[in-house]
Amino acid sequence: MASYKKRGYKSSKKASDKDQNQVEDHDSTTAEVFETLDEKANKTERFVSQYQKQIFGVIIVIIVGVIGFLGYQKLIVEPNENEAANELNQAQVYFKDAIEAQNKPMKDSLYKLAINGGNGKFGFADISDQYSGTKSANLANYYAGMSYFKLAEYKKAIEYLDNFKADDQILMPIAQGTIADAFQQIGQPDKALSYYEKAAKMKSNSFTTPKYLLKAGITAIELGKADVAVKHLNNLKEKYADSQEAKDAEVYIGQANAM
């Protein structure tokens, strides 16, 4: 009967010694890591102990700053915003009534009330001044500028509209375009052209962009800038072909090319 030798693992002394060395190396490395951490911790403790007054001082300044900011927002900014919005309400009513009024004397009277106030309420000019920095004051700049434009006080219109800042798709281009109209009225077509171009580029949309591209083209023709006029009018035709302004552009392109 055949017999088989049992195969088994026979450990050697060299392997055992190697394993022992690896364990000892690992223990040594671990000890070194802890010693390093202890050393760093001691340095941190010494640093904190040495500069604790300065550290606490900085922390206190930060805390006071945060509390001060939150207090300022809650006790000053928010009440100001609410007061300004309340004052703006009545002025906006006057402005709306002025737009709807049927005759010029009534329109002018209502625009003046919108600017200067009435019924114990501030007008746009006072809101802009007294509540500077609020959203309502910024909006008051827009309304005041538009009101002054309707009253043919063009320099004041430019001043207020130039102070109006917004990310609005419609109001901001209209503000810039009205500044351009005001410059046209006071005989400064070069500045008017610059603002028409700003208004056209500011927020591309089918309502304001065609309008101000056409005005930019017409103004450029008045200034003898045929190439600038053609650029704006062709841009109008290509991008807003369905607009009435694009149809009107044909005539002015002919004028520009004939210059």
Protein backbone atom coordinates (compact mmCIF):
# COMPACT_ATOMS: atom_id res chain seq x y z
CA MET A 1 0.00 0.00 0.00
CA ALA A 2 1.41 3.20 -1.08
CA SER A 3 1.97 5.84 1.61
CA TYR A 4 2.12 9.61 1.10
CA LYS A 5 4.27 12.07 3.05
CA LYS A 6 2.26 14.76 4.79
CA ARG A 7 3.07 18.16 3.42
CA GLY A 8 3.04 20.88 6.02
CA TYR A 9 4.51 24.38 6.66
CA LYS A 10 7.80 24.35 8.40
CA SER A 11 8.72 27.73 9.93
CA SER A 12 12.29 28.72 9.83
CA LYS A 13 14.23 30.65 12.42
CA LYS A 14 15.10 33.33 9.84
CA ALA A 15 11.43 34.03 9.10
CA SER A 16 10.67 34.26 12.80
CA ASP A 17 13.52 36.70 13.37
CA LYS A 18 12.36 38.82 10.40
CA ASP A 19 8.81 39.04 11.77
CA GLN A 20 10.12 40.02 15.16
CA ASN A 21 12.24 42.79 13.60
CA GLN A 22 9.22 44.13 11.72
CA VAL A 23 7.18 44.28 14.93
CA GLU A 24 10.00 46.07 16.71
CA ASP A 25 10.37 48.56 13.80
CA HIS A 26 6.63 49.24 13.84
CA ASP A 27 6.64 49.80 17.59
CA SER A 28 9.62 52.11 17.23
CA THR A 29 7.90 54.15 14.47
CA THR A 30 4.69 54.41 16.49
CA ALA A 31 6.65 55.63 19.48
CA GLU A 32 8.38 58.25 17.36
CA VAL A 33 5.02 59.48 16.02
CA PHE A 34 3.61 59.86 19.52
CA GLU A 35 6.75 61.61 20.70
CA THR A 36 6.46 64.05 17.78
CA LEU A 37 2.78 64.67 18.56
CA ASP A 38 3.56 65.22 22.23
CA GLU A 39 6.31 67.67 21.27
CA LYS A 40 3.97 69.61 18.98
CA ALA A 41 1.25 69.62 21.62
CA ASN A 42 3.69 71.01 24.18
CA LYS A 43 4.78 73.73 21.76
CA THR A 44 1.13 74.64 21.11
CA GLU A 45 0.42 74.78 24.83
CA ARG A 46 3.46 77.02 25.40
CA PHE A 47 2.39 79.30 22.52
CA VAL A 48 -1.18 79.58 23.84
CA SER A 49 0.09 80.20 27.36
CA GLN A 50 2.51 82.87 26.18
CA TYR A 51 0.07 84.72 23.89
CA GLN A 52 -3.28 83.92 25.51
CA LYS A 53 -4.14 87.59 26.12
CA GLN A 54 -3.57 88.47 22.48
CA ILE A 55 -5.50 85.39 21.27
CA PHE A 56 -8.47 86.12 23.52
CA GLY A 57 -8.31 89.75 22.42
CA VAL A 58 -8.60 88.76 18.76
CA ILE A 59 -11.48 86.38 19.53
CA ILE A 60 -13.32 89.12 21.44
CA VAL A 61 -12.82 91.59 18.57
CA ILE A 62 -14.26 89.05 16.11
CA ILE A 63 -17.25 88.33 18.36
CA VAL A 64 -17.92 92.03 18.94
CA GLY A 65 -17.63 92.65 15.20
CA VAL A 66 -20.14 89.93 14.34
CA ILE A 67 -22.56 91.10 17.04
CA GLY A 68 -22.13 94.69 15.90
CA PHE A 69 -22.82 93.78 12.27
CA LEU A 70 -25.91 91.78 13.16
CA GLY A 71 -27.11 94.57 15.45
CA TYR A 72 -26.54 97.17 12.73
CA GLN A 73 -28.52 95.07 10.25
CA LYS A 74 -31.37 94.48 12.69
CA LEU A 75 -31.58 97.86 14.41
CA ILE A 76 -30.61 100.26 11.62
CA VAL A 77 -30.65 98.74 8.13
CA GLU A 78 -33.95 96.84 8.39
CA PRO A 79 -35.93 99.74 9.97
CA ASN A 80 -34.46 102.12 7.37
CA GLU A 81 -35.48 99.79 4.57
CA ASN A 82 -39.02 99.54 5.96
CA GLU A 83 -39.36 103.31 6.44
CA ALA A 84 -37.99 104.03 2.97
CA ALA A 85 -40.36 101.52 1.37
CA ASN A 86 -43.28 103.11 3.19
CA GLU A 87 -42.31 106.59 1.99
CA LEU A 88 -41.76 105.32 -1.55
CA ASN A 89 -45.33 104.05 -1.76
CA GLN A 90 -47.00 107.46 -1.95
CA ALA A 91 -44.42 108.88 -4.36
CA GLN A 92 -45.02 105.93 -6.69
CA VAL A 93 -48.76 106.64 -6.62
CA TYR A 94 -48.10 110.22 -7.77
CA PHE A 95 -45.81 108.93 -10.52
CA LYS A 96 -48.43 106.44 -11.76
CA ASP A 97 -51.14 109.13 -11.69
CA ALA A 98 -48.87 111.45 -13.68
CA ILE A 99 -48.46 108.84 -16.42
CA GLU A 100 -52.22 108.37 -16.62
CA ALA A 101 -53.13 112.08 -16.44
CA GLN A 102 -54.80 113.44 -19.58
CA ASN A 103 -53.30 116.94 -19.77
CA LYS A 104 -49.80 118.37 -19.42
CA PRO A 105 -50.42 120.77 -16.48
CA MET A 106 -51.85 117.90 -14.43
CA LYS A 107 -48.99 115.61 -15.46
CA ASP A 108 -46.37 118.19 -14.50
CA SER A 109 -48.05 118.84 -11.15
CA LEU A 110 -48.10 115.13 -10.30
CA TYR A 111 -44.48 114.59 -11.38
CA LYS A 112 -43.46 117.44 -9.07
CA LEU A 113 -45.40 115.88 -6.20
CA ALA A 114 -43.67 112.56 -6.95
CA ILE A 115 -40.27 114.28 -6.74
CA ASN A 116 -40.89 116.63 -3.81
CA GLY A 117 -43.50 114.73 -1.81
CA GLY A 118 -47.00 115.45 -0.52
CA ASN A 119 -49.55 114.42 2.11
CA GLY A 120 -46.80 114.39 4.73
CA LYS A 121 -44.72 111.88 2.76
CA PHE A 122 -41.30 112.24 1.19
CA GLY A 123 -40.88 112.43 -2.55
CA PHE A 124 -38.27 110.57 -4.58
CA ALA A 125 -35.60 113.26 -4.06
CA ASP A 126 -35.87 113.14 -0.26
CA ILE A 127 -36.01 109.33 -0.19
CA SER A 128 -32.84 109.19 -2.28
CA ASP A 129 -31.11 111.57 0.13
CA GLN A 130 -32.49 110.53 3.54
CA TYR A 131 -32.36 106.77 3.00
CA SER A 132 -29.18 106.53 0.95
CA GLY A 133 -27.92 102.97 0.64
CA THR A 134 -31.35 101.33 0.83
CA LYS A 135 -33.07 99.52 -2.03
CA SER A 136 -35.88 102.07 -1.96
CA ALA A 137 -33.43 104.98 -2.26
CA ASN A 138 -31.87 103.33 -5.29
CA LEU A 139 -35.29 102.86 -6.88
CA ALA A 140 -36.15 106.48 -5.98
CA ASN A 141 -33.17 107.55 -8.12
CA TYR A 142 -34.78 105.85 -11.12
CA TYR A 143 -38.20 107.40 -10.56
CA ALA A 144 -36.79 110.86 -9.81
CA GLY A 145 -34.70 110.72 -12.99
CA MET A 146 -37.67 109.69 -15.11
CA SER A 147 -39.85 112.39 -13.52
CA TYR A 148 -37.27 115.10 -14.15
CA PHE A 149 -36.98 113.93 -17.76
CA LYS A 150 -40.75 114.30 -18.21
CA LEU A 151 -40.45 117.81 -16.76
CA ALA A 152 -37.69 118.60 -19.30
CA GLU A 153 -35.14 119.10 -16.51
CA TYR A 154 -32.59 117.03 -18.35
CA LYS A 155 -29.47 117.64 -16.27
CA LYS A 156 -31.25 116.57 -13.09
CA ALA A 157 -32.63 113.54 -14.95
CA ILE A 158 -29.09 112.53 -15.92
CA GLU A 159 -27.84 113.01 -12.35
CA TYR A 160 -30.47 110.78 -10.75
CA LEU A 161 -30.55 108.11 -13.44
CA ASP A 162 -26.77 107.84 -13.37
CA ASN A 163 -27.02 106.98 -9.64
CA PHE A 164 -29.48 104.16 -10.28
CA LYS A 165 -27.82 100.71 -10.23
CA ALA A 166 -29.66 97.45 -10.81
CA ASP A 167 -29.38 94.05 -12.44
CA ASP A 168 -32.87 94.40 -13.86
CA GLN A 169 -33.44 93.21 -17.44
CA ILE A 170 -35.59 96.21 -18.40
CA LEU A 171 -35.20 99.13 -15.95
CA MET A 172 -31.42 99.44 -16.22
CA PRO A 173 -31.32 99.66 -20.04
CA ILE A 174 -34.22 102.14 -19.94
CA ALA A 175 -32.33 104.27 -17.40
CA GLN A 176 -29.23 104.32 -19.61
CA GLY A 177 -31.31 104.98 -22.72
CA THR A 178 -33.14 107.87 -21.04
CA ILE A 179 -29.79 109.39 -20.06
CA ALA A 180 -28.91 109.22 -23.76
CA ASP A 181 -32.21 110.91 -24.66
CA ALA A 182 -31.43 113.64 -22.13
CA PHE A 183 -27.99 114.25 -23.63
CA GLN A 184 -29.64 114.53 -27.03
CA GLN A 185 -32.00 117.15 -25.65
CA ILE A 186 -29.15 119.30 -24.30
CA GLY A 187 -27.19 119.08 -27.53
CA GLN A 188 -24.56 116.47 -26.67
CA PRO A 189 -25.10 113.71 -29.27
CA ASP A 190 -21.60 112.24 -28.74
CA LYS A 191 -22.47 111.38 -25.12
CA ALA A 192 -25.93 110.29 -26.23
CA LEU A 193 -24.39 107.78 -28.64
CA SER A 194 -22.21 106.34 -25.88
CA TYR A 195 -25.23 105.79 -23.60
CA TYR A 196 -27.38 104.37 -26.40
CA GLU A 197 -24.62 101.82 -27.02
CA LYS A 198 -24.47 100.97 -23.31
CA ALA A 199 -28.24 100.57 -23.18
CA ALA A 200 -28.24 98.29 -26.24
CA LYS A 201 -25.46 96.03 -24.89
CA MET A 202 -26.47 96.02 -21.24
CA LYS A 203 -29.25 93.41 -21.14
CA SER A 204 -30.09 91.89 -24.50
CA ASN A 205 -33.85 91.55 -24.92
CA SER A 206 -36.43 92.09 -27.65
CA PHE A 207 -37.94 95.16 -25.94
CA THR A 208 -35.10 97.58 -25.20
CA THR A 209 -32.22 96.33 -27.39
CA PRO A 210 -33.80 97.02 -30.82
CA LYS A 211 -34.96 100.43 -29.64
CA TYR A 212 -31.51 101.57 -28.57
CA LEU A 213 -29.66 99.97 -31.47
CA LEU A 214 -31.85 102.04 -33.80
CA LYS A 215 -31.26 105.21 -31.78
CA ALA A 216 -27.52 104.50 -31.72
CA GLY A 217 -27.54 104.11 -35.50
CA ILE A 218 -29.50 107.33 -36.07
CA THR A 219 -27.26 109.29 -33.68
CA ALA A 220 -24.13 107.92 -35.35
CA ILE A 221 -25.47 109.20 -38.70
CA GLU A 222 -26.03 112.65 -37.12
CA LEU A 223 -22.40 112.61 -35.96
CA GLY A 224 -21.15 111.62 -39.42
CA LYS A 225 -20.03 108.16 -38.23
CA ALA A 226 -21.34 106.10 -41.13
CA ASP A 227 -19.41 102.91 -40.27
CA VAL A 228 -20.65 102.97 -36.67
CA ALA A 229 -24.22 103.55 -37.85
CA VAL A 230 -24.09 100.66 -40.33
CA LYS A 231 -22.66 98.34 -37.65
CA HIS A 232 -25.50 99.05 -35.21
CA LEU A 233 -28.24 98.98 -37.84
CA ASN A 234 -27.03 95.71 -39.39
CA ASN A 235 -26.80 94.20 -35.91
CA LEU A 236 -30.40 95.26 -35.38
CA LYS A 237 -31.53 93.68 -38.67
CA GLU A 238 -29.70 90.40 -38.07
CA LYS A 239 -30.63 89.78 -34.44
CA TYR A 240 -34.07 91.39 -34.20
CA ALA A 241 -35.43 90.95 -37.72
CA ASP A 242 -39.05 90.70 -36.55
CA SER A 243 -39.02 94.04 -34.71
CA GLN A 244 -40.48 97.27 -36.06
CA GLU A 245 -37.10 98.90 -35.45
CA ALA A 246 -35.47 96.44 -37.87
CA LYS A 247 -37.91 97.51 -40.58
CA ASP A 248 -37.15 101.18 -39.89
CA ALA A 249 -33.42 100.45 -40.03
CA GLU A 250 -33.50 99.94 -43.81
CA VAL A 251 -34.02 103.66 -44.44
CA TYR A 252 -31.17 104.67 -42.16
CA ILE A 253 -28.78 102.09 -43.61
CA GLY A 254 -29.38 103.72 -46.97
CA GLN A 255 -28.60 107.13 -45.48
CA ALA A 256 -25.41 105.85 -43.86
CA ASN A 257 -24.19 104.20 -47.06
CA ALA A 258 -24.82 107.41 -48.99
CA MET A 259 -22.59 109.45 -46.70
